[in-house]
Amino acid sequence: MNPLKESIHFYARHIESLLLISAVIVLPLLLVHNVAINYVNFLAALTGAPVVASFYNLFLLLLFLTLVQIVFAKFVISEMEGEEKPLRKAFRTFWESGFSVFLYGIVYVLAVCIGLLLFVVPGVILLVLFYLTPYLTVMKQASPWKCLRSAFEMGKKHFVPILGLILLTSAIQWVIGLVGLASVTFITTSFGAVFFTQMILTVLIFPFIAVMFTMYTVKWRTELMKAIEAEKMEAERVEAERLVVEG
């Protein structure tokens, strides 16, 4: 299984459903984020506290990112397992598990933001180690708090690939956003046009990113389960041989 190729094929096959999820879940949260950030930036300009505005922007962005991952993860997994009405199940998972993931996200993102703003490296480490928690929450159908250990073990084992994927997707989003911004400003300098273009690009790009992380998480979790099963079988074989020798 090549997660990247699978992600591209999945995105192409299910683009209508993915964009519907993005329009219903991601777009409203982006609007809330932009309204809140504009208000905070206005207050920061009056009070001379740009650091507070930057912290709030980073916090809110990562919090919403953590939250919306679960709906895409559920849709991808439902489709891969051949379940009926995967779109409905994805939305149901969001409404049923969203609050617990939101609470987890507050703690997780707050720790990451503090680490990034104060020491940078601890924030990056925390971001990577627990980044897959929302995906494992969906796969294990458990509370995010009960998935922390699994996320930590997977994040520790695949630290470099996860960090690489985060940096790669961030760079791709930045480049596409820059190209979109340049294209729009070449035609018009209207703030509304620029704002609308950035929203549309995010709605288009984020589903693919979520699909890709879901595919990688499925691959890594499958490999981990196979390794655990192999260790268990080996332990049983050794125990059986010991009993035969002793008998």
Protein backbone atom coordinates (compact mmCIF):
# COMPACT_ATOMS: atom_id res chain seq x y z
CA MET A 1 0.00 0.00 0.00
CA ASN A 2 1.36 3.38 -1.06
CA PRO A 3 -0.53 5.93 1.09
CA LEU A 4 0.26 8.86 -1.17
CA LYS A 5 -1.01 7.15 -4.34
CA GLU A 6 -4.02 5.80 -2.47
CA SER A 7 -4.78 9.29 -1.21
CA ILE A 8 -4.70 10.76 -4.72
CA HIS A 9 -6.95 8.02 -6.09
CA PHE A 10 -9.34 8.29 -3.14
CA TYR A 11 -9.57 12.07 -3.45
CA ALA A 12 -10.28 11.83 -7.17
CA ARG A 13 -12.95 9.12 -6.73
CA HIS A 14 -14.77 10.80 -3.84
CA ILE A 15 -14.15 14.46 -4.49
CA GLU A 16 -17.85 15.38 -4.38
CA SER A 17 -18.38 13.92 -0.91
CA LEU A 18 -15.10 15.30 0.39
CA LEU A 19 -15.90 18.80 -0.83
CA LEU A 20 -19.37 18.55 0.69
CA ILE A 21 -17.82 17.70 4.07
CA SER A 22 -15.36 20.53 3.64
CA ALA A 23 -18.10 23.01 2.74
CA VAL A 24 -20.32 21.98 5.68
CA ILE A 25 -17.62 21.62 8.37
CA VAL A 26 -14.39 23.33 7.33
CA LEU A 27 -15.79 26.47 5.68
CA PRO A 28 -17.90 27.65 8.67
CA LEU A 29 -14.95 27.12 11.02
CA LEU A 30 -12.69 29.08 8.67
CA LEU A 31 -15.20 31.94 8.68
CA VAL A 32 -15.32 31.89 12.48
CA HIS A 33 -11.52 31.84 12.58
CA ASN A 34 -11.16 34.82 10.26
CA VAL A 35 -13.82 36.90 12.04
CA ALA A 36 -12.24 36.15 15.43
CA ILE A 37 -8.71 36.88 14.20
CA ASN A 38 -9.72 40.17 12.60
CA TYR A 39 -11.31 41.25 15.88
CA VAL A 40 -8.27 40.16 17.92
CA ASN A 41 -5.90 41.89 15.50
CA PHE A 42 -7.93 45.08 15.87
CA LEU A 43 -7.67 44.89 19.66
CA ALA A 44 -3.96 44.06 19.43
CA ALA A 45 -3.36 47.13 17.26
CA LEU A 46 -5.10 49.31 19.85
CA THR A 47 -3.30 47.81 22.84
CA GLY A 48 0.06 47.14 21.19
CA ALA A 49 0.05 43.41 21.90
CA PRO A 50 0.81 41.66 18.58
CA VAL A 51 2.20 38.60 20.37
CA VAL A 52 -1.22 37.91 21.89
CA ALA A 53 -2.83 38.10 18.46
CA SER A 54 -0.26 35.69 16.99
CA PHE A 55 -0.76 33.25 19.86
CA TYR A 56 -4.55 33.36 19.46
CA ASN A 57 -4.30 32.90 15.69
CA LEU A 58 -2.05 29.85 16.04
CA PHE A 59 -4.16 28.40 18.84
CA LEU A 60 -7.47 28.73 17.00
CA LEU A 61 -6.07 27.44 13.71
CA LEU A 62 -4.56 24.30 15.27
CA LEU A 63 -7.67 23.71 17.37
CA PHE A 64 -9.97 23.76 14.36
CA LEU A 65 -7.49 21.60 12.43
CA THR A 66 -7.53 18.99 15.20
CA LEU A 67 -11.33 19.01 15.33
CA VAL A 68 -12.17 18.67 11.64
CA GLN A 69 -9.79 15.75 11.05
CA ILE A 70 -12.20 13.26 12.60
CA VAL A 71 -14.97 13.72 10.04
CA PHE A 72 -12.65 13.08 7.09
CA ALA A 73 -10.98 10.16 8.86
CA LYS A 74 -14.34 8.50 9.48
CA PHE A 75 -15.42 8.97 5.87
CA VAL A 76 -12.20 7.47 4.51
CA ILE A 77 -12.30 4.48 6.87
CA SER A 78 -16.00 3.82 6.18
CA GLU A 79 -15.35 3.82 2.44
CA MET A 80 -12.31 1.55 2.79
CA GLU A 81 -14.32 -0.93 4.87
CA GLY A 82 -17.26 -0.85 2.47
CA GLU A 83 -19.76 0.47 5.02
CA GLU A 84 -23.13 1.78 3.93
CA LYS A 85 -23.81 5.53 3.93
CA PRO A 86 -20.23 6.59 4.80
CA LEU A 87 -21.06 10.27 4.43
CA ARG A 88 -23.82 10.08 7.01
CA LYS A 89 -21.55 8.14 9.37
CA ALA A 90 -18.83 10.76 8.96
CA PHE A 91 -21.16 13.59 9.98
CA ARG A 92 -22.56 11.50 12.85
CA THR A 93 -19.05 10.84 14.15
CA PHE A 94 -18.33 14.56 14.07
CA TRP A 95 -21.41 15.40 16.13
CA GLU A 96 -20.95 12.48 18.55
CA SER A 97 -17.19 12.74 19.10
CA GLY A 98 -16.62 16.39 18.27
CA PHE A 99 -17.02 17.72 21.80
CA SER A 100 -14.55 15.28 23.38
CA VAL A 101 -12.05 15.93 20.57
CA PHE A 102 -12.61 19.67 21.02
CA LEU A 103 -11.79 19.44 24.74
CA TYR A 104 -8.73 17.31 23.99
CA GLY A 105 -7.74 19.79 21.29
CA ILE A 106 -7.79 22.70 23.74
CA VAL A 107 -5.28 20.96 26.02
CA TYR A 108 -3.15 19.62 23.15
CA VAL A 109 -3.04 22.85 21.16
CA LEU A 110 -2.44 24.99 24.23
CA ALA A 111 0.59 22.86 25.13
CA VAL A 112 1.86 22.98 21.53
CA CYS A 113 1.43 26.77 21.25
CA ILE A 114 3.17 27.44 24.55
CA GLY A 115 6.03 25.17 23.49
CA LEU A 116 6.32 26.87 20.11
CA LEU A 117 6.22 30.41 21.47
CA LEU A 118 8.64 29.80 24.34
CA PHE A 119 11.12 27.18 23.15
CA VAL A 120 9.96 26.15 19.62
CA VAL A 121 11.44 22.64 19.73
CA PRO A 122 9.20 21.28 22.56
CA GLY A 123 6.18 22.62 20.71
CA VAL A 124 7.18 20.84 17.50
CA ILE A 125 7.82 17.60 19.40
CA LEU A 126 4.40 17.73 21.09
CA LEU A 127 2.74 18.60 17.78
CA VAL A 128 4.21 15.54 16.06
CA LEU A 129 3.94 13.02 18.89
CA PHE A 130 0.19 13.48 19.37
CA TYR A 131 -0.80 14.66 15.88
CA LEU A 132 -2.45 11.36 14.97
CA THR A 133 -4.71 11.25 18.03
CA PRO A 134 -7.90 12.34 16.16
CA TYR A 135 -7.33 9.65 13.53
CA LEU A 136 -6.79 6.94 16.12
CA THR A 137 -9.87 8.17 17.99
CA VAL A 138 -11.94 7.35 14.92
CA MET A 139 -10.20 4.06 14.14
CA LYS A 140 -10.43 2.73 17.69
CA GLN A 141 -13.85 4.30 18.31
CA ALA A 142 -12.61 5.52 21.68
CA SER A 143 -12.13 8.76 23.57
CA PRO A 144 -9.09 10.79 22.45
CA TRP A 145 -7.79 10.57 26.01
CA LYS A 146 -7.71 6.77 25.69
CA CYS A 147 -5.79 7.03 22.43
CA LEU A 148 -2.96 9.19 23.78
CA ARG A 149 -0.65 6.26 24.45
CA SER A 150 -1.21 4.76 20.99
CA ALA A 151 -0.71 8.17 19.37
CA PHE A 152 2.48 8.71 21.37
CA GLU A 153 3.91 5.30 20.42
CA MET A 154 3.06 5.82 16.76
CA GLY A 155 4.31 9.39 16.80
CA LYS A 156 7.58 8.31 18.41
CA LYS A 157 8.12 5.50 15.92
CA HIS A 158 7.23 7.58 12.85
CA PHE A 159 8.37 10.99 14.10
CA VAL A 160 10.36 11.97 11.02
CA PRO A 161 7.70 10.89 8.45
CA ILE A 162 4.95 12.70 10.37
CA LEU A 163 7.04 15.87 10.67
CA GLY A 164 7.92 15.61 6.99
CA LEU A 165 4.28 15.28 6.00
CA ILE A 166 3.30 18.27 8.14
CA LEU A 167 6.06 20.40 6.61
CA LEU A 168 5.29 19.18 3.09
CA THR A 169 1.56 19.86 3.31
CA SER A 170 2.21 23.25 4.93
CA ALA A 171 4.59 24.17 2.12
CA ILE A 172 2.11 23.02 -0.54
CA GLN A 173 -0.68 25.05 1.06
CA TRP A 174 1.60 28.08 1.27
CA VAL A 175 2.67 27.82 -2.39
CA ILE A 176 -0.88 27.26 -3.67
CA GLY A 177 -2.16 30.11 -1.50
CA LEU A 178 0.61 32.39 -2.79
CA VAL A 179 -0.16 31.50 -6.41
CA GLY A 180 -3.86 32.04 -5.81
CA LEU A 181 -3.22 35.38 -4.12
CA ALA A 182 -0.96 36.54 -6.96
CA SER A 183 -3.53 35.45 -9.56
CA VAL A 184 -6.38 37.30 -7.86
CA THR A 185 -4.42 40.48 -7.13
CA PHE A 186 -3.34 40.52 -10.78
CA ILE A 187 -7.02 40.92 -11.67
CA THR A 188 -8.35 42.86 -8.68
CA THR A 189 -7.20 44.18 -5.32
CA SER A 190 -10.60 43.67 -3.74
CA PHE A 191 -10.29 42.30 -0.19
CA GLY A 192 -13.46 40.26 -0.69
CA ALA A 193 -12.05 38.55 -3.78
CA VAL A 194 -8.77 37.72 -2.03
CA PHE A 195 -10.59 36.47 1.07
CA PHE A 196 -12.98 34.33 -0.97
CA THR A 197 -10.14 32.82 -3.01
CA GLN A 198 -8.19 31.83 0.11
CA MET A 199 -11.30 30.21 1.58
CA ILE A 200 -11.99 28.21 -1.57
CA LEU A 201 -8.40 27.00 -1.85
CA THR A 202 -8.43 25.80 1.75
CA VAL A 203 -11.75 24.02 1.24
CA LEU A 204 -10.25 22.25 -1.79
CA ILE A 205 -6.86 21.38 -0.32
CA PHE A 206 -7.62 20.33 3.25
CA PRO A 207 -9.68 17.20 2.39
CA PHE A 208 -6.72 15.75 0.51
CA ILE A 209 -4.39 16.43 3.44
CA ALA A 210 -6.80 14.73 5.86
CA VAL A 211 -7.21 11.77 3.50
CA MET A 212 -3.44 11.39 3.20
CA PHE A 213 -2.87 11.40 6.97
CA THR A 214 -5.69 8.89 7.37
CA MET A 215 -4.09 6.57 4.82
CA TYR A 216 -0.70 6.77 6.53
CA THR A 217 -2.26 6.19 9.96
CA VAL A 218 -4.11 3.12 8.67
CA LYS A 219 -0.88 1.76 7.18
CA TRP A 220 1.16 2.34 10.33
CA ARG A 221 -1.53 0.96 12.62
CA THR A 222 -1.88 -2.16 10.46
CA GLU A 223 1.88 -2.71 10.57
CA LEU A 224 1.86 -2.25 14.34
CA MET A 225 -0.98 -4.73 14.85
CA LYS A 226 0.78 -7.29 12.64
CA ALA A 227 4.00 -6.84 14.64
CA ILE A 228 2.13 -7.30 17.92
CA GLU A 229 0.41 -10.41 16.59
CA ALA A 230 3.73 -11.82 15.38
CA GLU A 231 5.30 -11.21 18.80
CA LYS A 232 2.34 -12.90 20.47
CA MET A 233 2.60 -15.95 18.22
CA GLU A 234 6.34 -16.15 18.81
CA ALA A 235 5.81 -15.98 22.57
CA GLU A 236 3.20 -18.75 22.37
CA ARG A 237 5.56 -20.90 20.28
CA VAL A 238 8.39 -20.44 22.77
CA GLU A 239 6.07 -21.28 25.65
CA ALA A 240 4.81 -24.40 23.86
CA GLU A 241 8.39 -25.58 23.22
CA ARG A 242 9.25 -24.99 26.86
CA LEU A 243 6.28 -27.07 27.99
CA VAL A 244 7.27 -29.88 25.64
CA VAL A 245 10.84 -29.88 26.96
CA GLU A 246 9.69 -29.81 30.58
CA GLY A 247 7.10 -32.51 29.92
